[in-house]
Amino acid sequence: MLSEGIHSLVDTGNQGLLLYGIRRSGRPADIKHPFGYGAELYFWAFVVALLIFAVGAGLSLYEGIEKVLHPEPIGDPTINFVVLGVAFCFEGWAWFVALREFRNTKGKRSYFQAVADSKDPTVFTVLFEDSAAMLGLIVAAVGIGLSHYLELPWMDGAASIVIGLILGMTAILLAYETKSLLIGEAASTESEAEIAAIVNAHPAVTTVNELRTMHRGPNEILLALSLDFRDDMIVGQLETVIADLERHIRERVPQVHRVYIEAQSYVDHKSVEAQLTSSH
């Protein structure tokens, strides 16, 4: 019961941190952070993963080992079962809401692929935490029942160890996914293909030398393009074409907030790439 109490306390604190991260990430860009604060949400999601591992898993494992080494008989478990049952109902409702939200975003992809592709850590973090919470409640109930009815008090400690392991695995999965977002993930394959189609369809563009995207938040994409334009264009025409491309890209892929387009010949681009490759 103590392990589940620790888990619930950590879970509540984590939801507060995610809400704080959402609010912080919505701040406008300034001189110190010219690209905005969208990526701060990824930082707080990573902090959540660390707290689950250090506090939730660590204390649950410690409590479980202590109870296995120094077991104590459990009295009437009725109140424990009532509390766990009520907690399971609340967690089950939260899990259902999180799962419904996740299904709305995953499309036809598998759950594993949808988590790997997701740019919004709040959705899969809540789903992972609630899934771990429900498993933990079941394990706690089984541990208390076996400890009392089989008169094996060490089983209560073993259940705490299992809860700690569940929390540890959840934390590792969350840390792995949020670390990738912190480093900077590209936009989805569909978004990049849409952008490439827009650029390639423009009559003034002869070659797309390079297309690079990076998520600065769940709904904010930074786009950098290196394009080879027709040689017969003058500067004024080139400015008009670039403005036209930016407008069409933002209309078709609204997540793109910032666009940087470089005019460069295909030959020069390949020469620069070769130099960069050789320098490494």
Protein backbone atom coordinates (compact mmCIF):
# COMPACT_ATOMS: atom_id res chain seq x y z
CA MET A 1 0.00 0.00 0.00
CA LEU A 2 2.87 2.38 0.79
CA SER A 3 4.40 1.72 -2.64
CA GLU A 4 1.10 2.55 -4.33
CA GLY A 5 0.78 5.64 -2.16
CA ILE A 6 4.23 6.77 -3.29
CA HIS A 7 3.28 5.99 -6.89
CA SER A 8 0.07 8.04 -6.66
CA LEU A 9 1.92 10.97 -5.09
CA VAL A 10 4.60 10.92 -7.81
CA ASP A 11 1.89 10.56 -10.48
CA THR A 12 0.05 13.63 -9.20
CA GLY A 13 3.25 15.67 -9.08
CA ASN A 14 4.13 14.60 -12.61
CA GLN A 15 0.80 15.76 -14.00
CA GLY A 16 1.45 19.13 -12.39
CA LEU A 17 4.91 19.28 -14.01
CA LEU A 18 3.44 18.48 -17.43
CA LEU A 19 0.84 21.24 -17.05
CA TYR A 20 3.62 23.60 -16.01
CA GLY A 21 5.64 22.55 -19.07
CA ILE A 22 2.68 23.16 -21.38
CA ARG A 23 2.24 26.67 -19.97
CA ARG A 24 5.96 27.48 -20.19
CA SER A 25 6.28 26.17 -23.74
CA GLY A 26 3.57 28.55 -24.93
CA ARG A 27 5.60 31.69 -24.18
CA PRO A 28 6.49 33.86 -27.20
CA ALA A 29 10.02 34.07 -28.61
CA ASP A 30 12.39 36.69 -27.20
CA ILE A 31 15.96 37.86 -27.75
CA LYS A 32 17.50 35.07 -25.66
CA HIS A 33 15.31 32.36 -27.20
CA PRO A 34 14.59 33.52 -30.77
CA PHE A 35 12.96 30.22 -31.74
CA GLY A 36 10.58 30.29 -28.79
CA TYR A 37 10.08 27.99 -25.82
CA GLY A 38 8.19 25.14 -27.47
CA ALA A 39 10.93 22.59 -26.73
CA GLU A 40 10.68 23.28 -22.98
CA LEU A 41 7.77 20.86 -22.84
CA TYR A 42 10.20 18.10 -23.82
CA PHE A 43 12.48 19.06 -20.92
CA TRP A 44 9.71 18.77 -18.34
CA ALA A 45 8.55 15.45 -19.82
CA PHE A 46 12.12 14.20 -19.35
CA VAL A 47 12.08 15.45 -15.74
CA VAL A 48 8.88 13.44 -15.22
CA ALA A 49 10.65 10.29 -16.44
CA LEU A 50 13.54 10.94 -14.03
CA LEU A 51 11.16 11.43 -11.09
CA ILE A 52 9.29 8.20 -11.85
CA PHE A 53 12.60 6.34 -11.89
CA ALA A 54 14.33 8.02 -8.92
CA VAL A 55 11.39 8.57 -6.56
CA GLY A 56 8.68 6.15 -7.65
CA ALA A 57 10.77 3.12 -8.60
CA GLY A 58 13.56 3.79 -6.09
CA LEU A 59 11.35 4.11 -3.01
CA SER A 60 9.09 1.21 -4.05
CA LEU A 61 12.09 -1.08 -4.47
CA TYR A 62 13.55 0.03 -1.14
CA GLU A 63 10.24 -0.50 0.66
CA GLY A 64 9.79 -3.91 -0.98
CA ILE A 65 13.25 -5.16 -0.08
CA GLU A 66 12.77 -3.99 3.52
CA LYS A 67 9.47 -5.89 3.79
CA VAL A 68 10.93 -9.04 2.25
CA LEU A 69 13.85 -8.97 4.68
CA HIS A 70 11.70 -7.98 7.67
CA PRO A 71 8.14 -9.22 6.92
CA GLU A 72 5.24 -8.28 9.17
CA PRO A 73 1.78 -9.92 9.21
CA ILE A 74 -1.06 -7.95 7.62
CA GLY A 75 -4.28 -7.45 9.59
CA ASP A 76 -7.76 -7.29 8.07
CA PRO A 77 -7.16 -6.28 4.41
CA THR A 78 -10.74 -5.12 3.75
CA ILE A 79 -9.97 -1.41 3.94
CA ASN A 80 -6.91 -1.92 1.73
CA PHE A 81 -9.01 -3.64 -0.92
CA VAL A 82 -11.67 -0.90 -0.80
CA VAL A 83 -9.04 1.83 -1.22
CA LEU A 84 -7.36 -0.05 -4.07
CA GLY A 85 -10.73 -0.65 -5.74
CA VAL A 86 -11.70 3.02 -5.61
CA ALA A 87 -8.24 4.01 -6.86
CA PHE A 88 -8.56 1.50 -9.71
CA CYS A 89 -11.85 3.09 -10.80
CA PHE A 90 -10.35 6.59 -10.88
CA GLU A 91 -7.18 5.41 -12.63
CA GLY A 92 -9.25 3.36 -15.06
CA TRP A 93 -11.27 6.42 -16.05
CA ALA A 94 -8.10 8.49 -16.54
CA TRP A 95 -6.52 5.63 -18.52
CA PHE A 96 -9.58 5.36 -20.78
CA VAL A 97 -9.49 9.11 -21.51
CA ALA A 98 -5.75 8.96 -22.25
CA LEU A 99 -6.19 5.91 -24.49
CA ARG A 100 -9.05 7.55 -26.41
CA GLU A 101 -6.92 10.66 -27.00
CA PHE A 102 -3.97 8.54 -28.11
CA ARG A 103 -6.14 6.54 -30.52
CA ASN A 104 -7.31 9.77 -32.12
CA THR A 105 -3.71 10.64 -32.98
CA LYS A 106 -2.26 7.24 -33.86
CA GLY A 107 -4.33 6.62 -37.00
CA LYS A 108 -3.60 3.25 -38.65
CA ARG A 109 -0.18 2.90 -37.07
CA SER A 110 0.58 0.35 -34.37
CA TYR A 111 0.72 1.59 -30.77
CA PHE A 112 4.49 1.15 -30.68
CA GLN A 113 4.99 3.06 -33.92
CA ALA A 114 2.59 5.79 -32.84
CA VAL A 115 4.56 6.36 -29.63
CA ALA A 116 7.84 6.43 -31.57
CA ASP A 117 6.41 8.95 -34.07
CA SER A 118 4.58 11.14 -31.53
CA LYS A 119 5.87 14.69 -31.06
CA ASP A 120 3.62 15.38 -28.06
CA PRO A 121 5.05 13.75 -24.90
CA THR A 122 2.02 14.67 -22.79
CA VAL A 123 -0.18 12.13 -24.59
CA PHE A 124 2.02 9.05 -24.27
CA THR A 125 3.39 10.08 -20.84
CA VAL A 126 -0.09 10.15 -19.32
CA LEU A 127 -0.97 6.87 -21.06
CA PHE A 128 2.20 5.15 -19.80
CA GLU A 129 1.77 6.48 -16.26
CA ASP A 130 -1.88 5.44 -16.04
CA SER A 131 -1.11 2.00 -17.48
CA ALA A 132 1.65 1.55 -14.90
CA ALA A 133 -0.71 2.78 -12.16
CA MET A 134 -3.38 0.22 -13.04
CA LEU A 135 -0.86 -2.60 -13.16
CA GLY A 136 0.55 -1.43 -9.85
CA LEU A 137 -2.89 -1.46 -8.21
CA ILE A 138 -3.50 -5.01 -9.42
CA VAL A 139 -0.10 -6.17 -8.18
CA ALA A 140 -0.68 -4.46 -4.81
CA ALA A 141 -4.05 -6.17 -4.38
CA VAL A 142 -2.60 -9.58 -5.31
CA GLY A 143 0.33 -9.06 -2.94
CA ILE A 144 -1.91 -8.09 -0.01
CA GLY A 145 -4.26 -11.01 -0.70
CA LEU A 146 -1.48 -13.60 -0.88
CA SER A 147 0.23 -12.12 2.16
CA HIS A 148 -2.93 -12.31 4.28
CA TYR A 149 -4.74 -15.44 3.11
CA LEU A 150 -1.66 -17.61 2.60
CA GLU A 151 0.01 -16.17 5.70
CA LEU A 152 3.10 -15.24 3.69
CA PRO A 153 3.85 -11.67 4.82
CA TRP A 154 6.90 -11.41 2.57
CA MET A 155 4.58 -11.44 -0.46
CA ASP A 156 3.56 -7.86 0.34
CA GLY A 157 7.19 -6.82 -0.02
CA ALA A 158 7.54 -8.84 -3.22
CA ALA A 159 4.56 -6.94 -4.65
CA SER A 160 6.30 -3.65 -3.82
CA ILE A 161 9.39 -4.84 -5.69
CA VAL A 162 7.28 -5.73 -8.73
CA ILE A 163 5.64 -2.27 -8.59
CA GLY A 164 9.10 -0.70 -8.45
CA LEU A 165 10.19 -2.69 -11.50
CA ILE A 166 7.04 -1.63 -13.40
CA LEU A 167 7.76 2.02 -12.58
CA GLY A 168 11.41 1.60 -13.54
CA MET A 169 10.55 0.17 -16.96
CA THR A 170 7.96 2.90 -17.52
CA ALA A 171 10.53 5.57 -16.65
CA ILE A 172 13.13 4.09 -19.01
CA LEU A 173 10.64 4.02 -21.91
CA LEU A 174 9.58 7.62 -21.25
CA ALA A 175 13.17 8.81 -20.92
CA TYR A 176 14.11 7.12 -24.19
CA GLU A 177 11.26 8.74 -26.12
CA THR A 178 11.62 12.22 -24.61
CA LYS A 179 15.41 12.16 -25.06
CA SER A 180 14.88 11.80 -28.80
CA LEU A 181 12.50 14.78 -28.78
CA LEU A 182 14.96 16.85 -26.75
CA ILE A 183 17.75 16.20 -29.25
CA GLY A 184 15.45 17.30 -32.07
CA GLU A 185 13.25 15.02 -34.16
CA ALA A 186 12.35 15.64 -37.78
CA ALA A 187 8.77 16.20 -38.86
CA SER A 188 6.73 13.19 -39.90
CA THR A 189 7.42 11.51 -43.23
CA GLU A 190 4.00 12.68 -44.43
CA SER A 191 4.74 16.32 -43.58
CA GLU A 192 8.14 16.26 -45.29
CA ALA A 193 6.64 14.59 -48.36
CA GLU A 194 3.93 17.28 -48.50
CA ILE A 195 6.55 20.05 -48.30
CA ALA A 196 8.69 18.39 -50.97
CA ALA A 197 5.67 18.08 -53.27
CA ILE A 198 4.85 21.78 -52.89
CA VAL A 199 8.42 22.85 -53.65
CA ASN A 200 8.93 20.45 -56.56
CA ALA A 201 5.65 21.57 -58.14
CA HIS A 202 6.77 25.18 -58.37
CA PRO A 203 7.98 26.01 -61.92
CA ALA A 204 10.79 28.26 -60.64
CA VAL A 205 12.47 25.44 -58.68
CA THR A 206 14.75 23.10 -60.62
CA THR A 207 16.18 21.05 -57.74
CA VAL A 208 15.56 20.53 -54.04
CA ASN A 209 19.11 20.29 -52.74
CA GLU A 210 18.21 19.75 -49.13
CA LEU A 211 15.09 19.65 -46.95
CA ARG A 212 15.54 19.67 -43.18
CA THR A 213 12.87 19.84 -40.50
CA MET A 214 12.94 19.83 -36.71
CA HIS A 215 10.16 19.91 -34.13
CA ARG A 216 10.54 22.75 -31.65
CA GLY A 217 7.37 21.64 -29.91
CA PRO A 218 4.41 19.31 -30.58
CA ASN A 219 2.86 21.74 -33.07
CA GLU A 220 5.86 23.79 -34.18
CA ILE A 221 8.16 22.79 -37.05
CA LEU A 222 11.33 24.60 -38.08
CA LEU A 223 11.95 24.18 -41.84
CA ALA A 224 15.22 24.80 -43.71
CA LEU A 225 15.42 24.43 -47.51
CA SER A 226 18.27 24.63 -49.99
CA LEU A 227 16.83 25.13 -53.47
CA ASP A 228 18.26 25.54 -56.97
CA PHE A 229 16.17 28.06 -58.90
CA ARG A 230 16.04 28.82 -62.62
CA ASP A 231 19.11 30.77 -63.74
CA ASP A 232 17.11 33.32 -65.73
CA MET A 233 15.40 34.76 -62.64
CA ILE A 234 16.23 38.21 -61.27
CA VAL A 235 16.36 39.08 -57.56
CA GLY A 236 12.88 40.59 -57.44
CA GLN A 237 11.35 37.50 -59.02
CA LEU A 238 13.25 35.25 -56.63
CA GLU A 239 11.87 37.13 -53.61
CA THR A 240 8.34 36.72 -54.94
CA VAL A 241 8.85 32.98 -55.51
CA ILE A 242 10.23 32.46 -51.98
CA ALA A 243 7.30 34.33 -50.44
CA ASP A 244 4.91 32.24 -52.55
CA LEU A 245 6.55 29.00 -51.42
CA GLU A 246 6.42 30.00 -47.75
CA ARG A 247 2.73 30.88 -48.02
CA HIS A 248 1.80 27.59 -49.70
CA ILE A 249 3.86 25.51 -47.25
CA ARG A 250 2.21 27.14 -44.22
CA GLU A 251 -1.24 26.68 -45.75
CA ARG A 252 -0.72 22.97 -46.43
CA VAL A 253 1.40 22.17 -43.34
CA PRO A 254 0.22 24.61 -40.63
CA GLN A 255 2.67 23.19 -38.07
CA VAL A 256 5.49 24.90 -39.98
CA HIS A 257 6.07 28.16 -38.11
CA ARG A 258 9.48 29.22 -39.40
CA VAL A 259 10.83 28.73 -42.93
CA TYR A 260 14.39 29.44 -44.07
CA ILE A 261 15.08 29.10 -47.80
CA GLU A 262 18.58 29.22 -49.26
CA ALA A 263 19.11 29.80 -52.98
CA GLN A 264 22.04 27.64 -54.06
CA SER A 265 23.03 25.81 -57.22
CA TYR A 266 22.98 22.03 -57.12
CA VAL A 267 26.69 21.86 -57.97
CA ASP A 268 27.68 24.28 -55.22
CA HIS A 269 25.54 22.44 -52.69
CA LYS A 270 27.20 19.11 -53.49
CA SER A 271 30.61 20.76 -53.23
CA VAL A 272 29.81 22.10 -49.75
CA GLU A 273 28.44 18.72 -48.67
CA ALA A 274 31.63 17.01 -49.85
CA GLN A 275 33.73 19.47 -47.85
CA LEU A 276 31.67 18.91 -44.71
CA THR A 277 31.87 15.13 -45.13
CA SER A 278 35.65 15.18 -45.58
CA SER A 279 36.13 17.43 -42.53
CA HIS A 280 34.48 14.79 -40.35
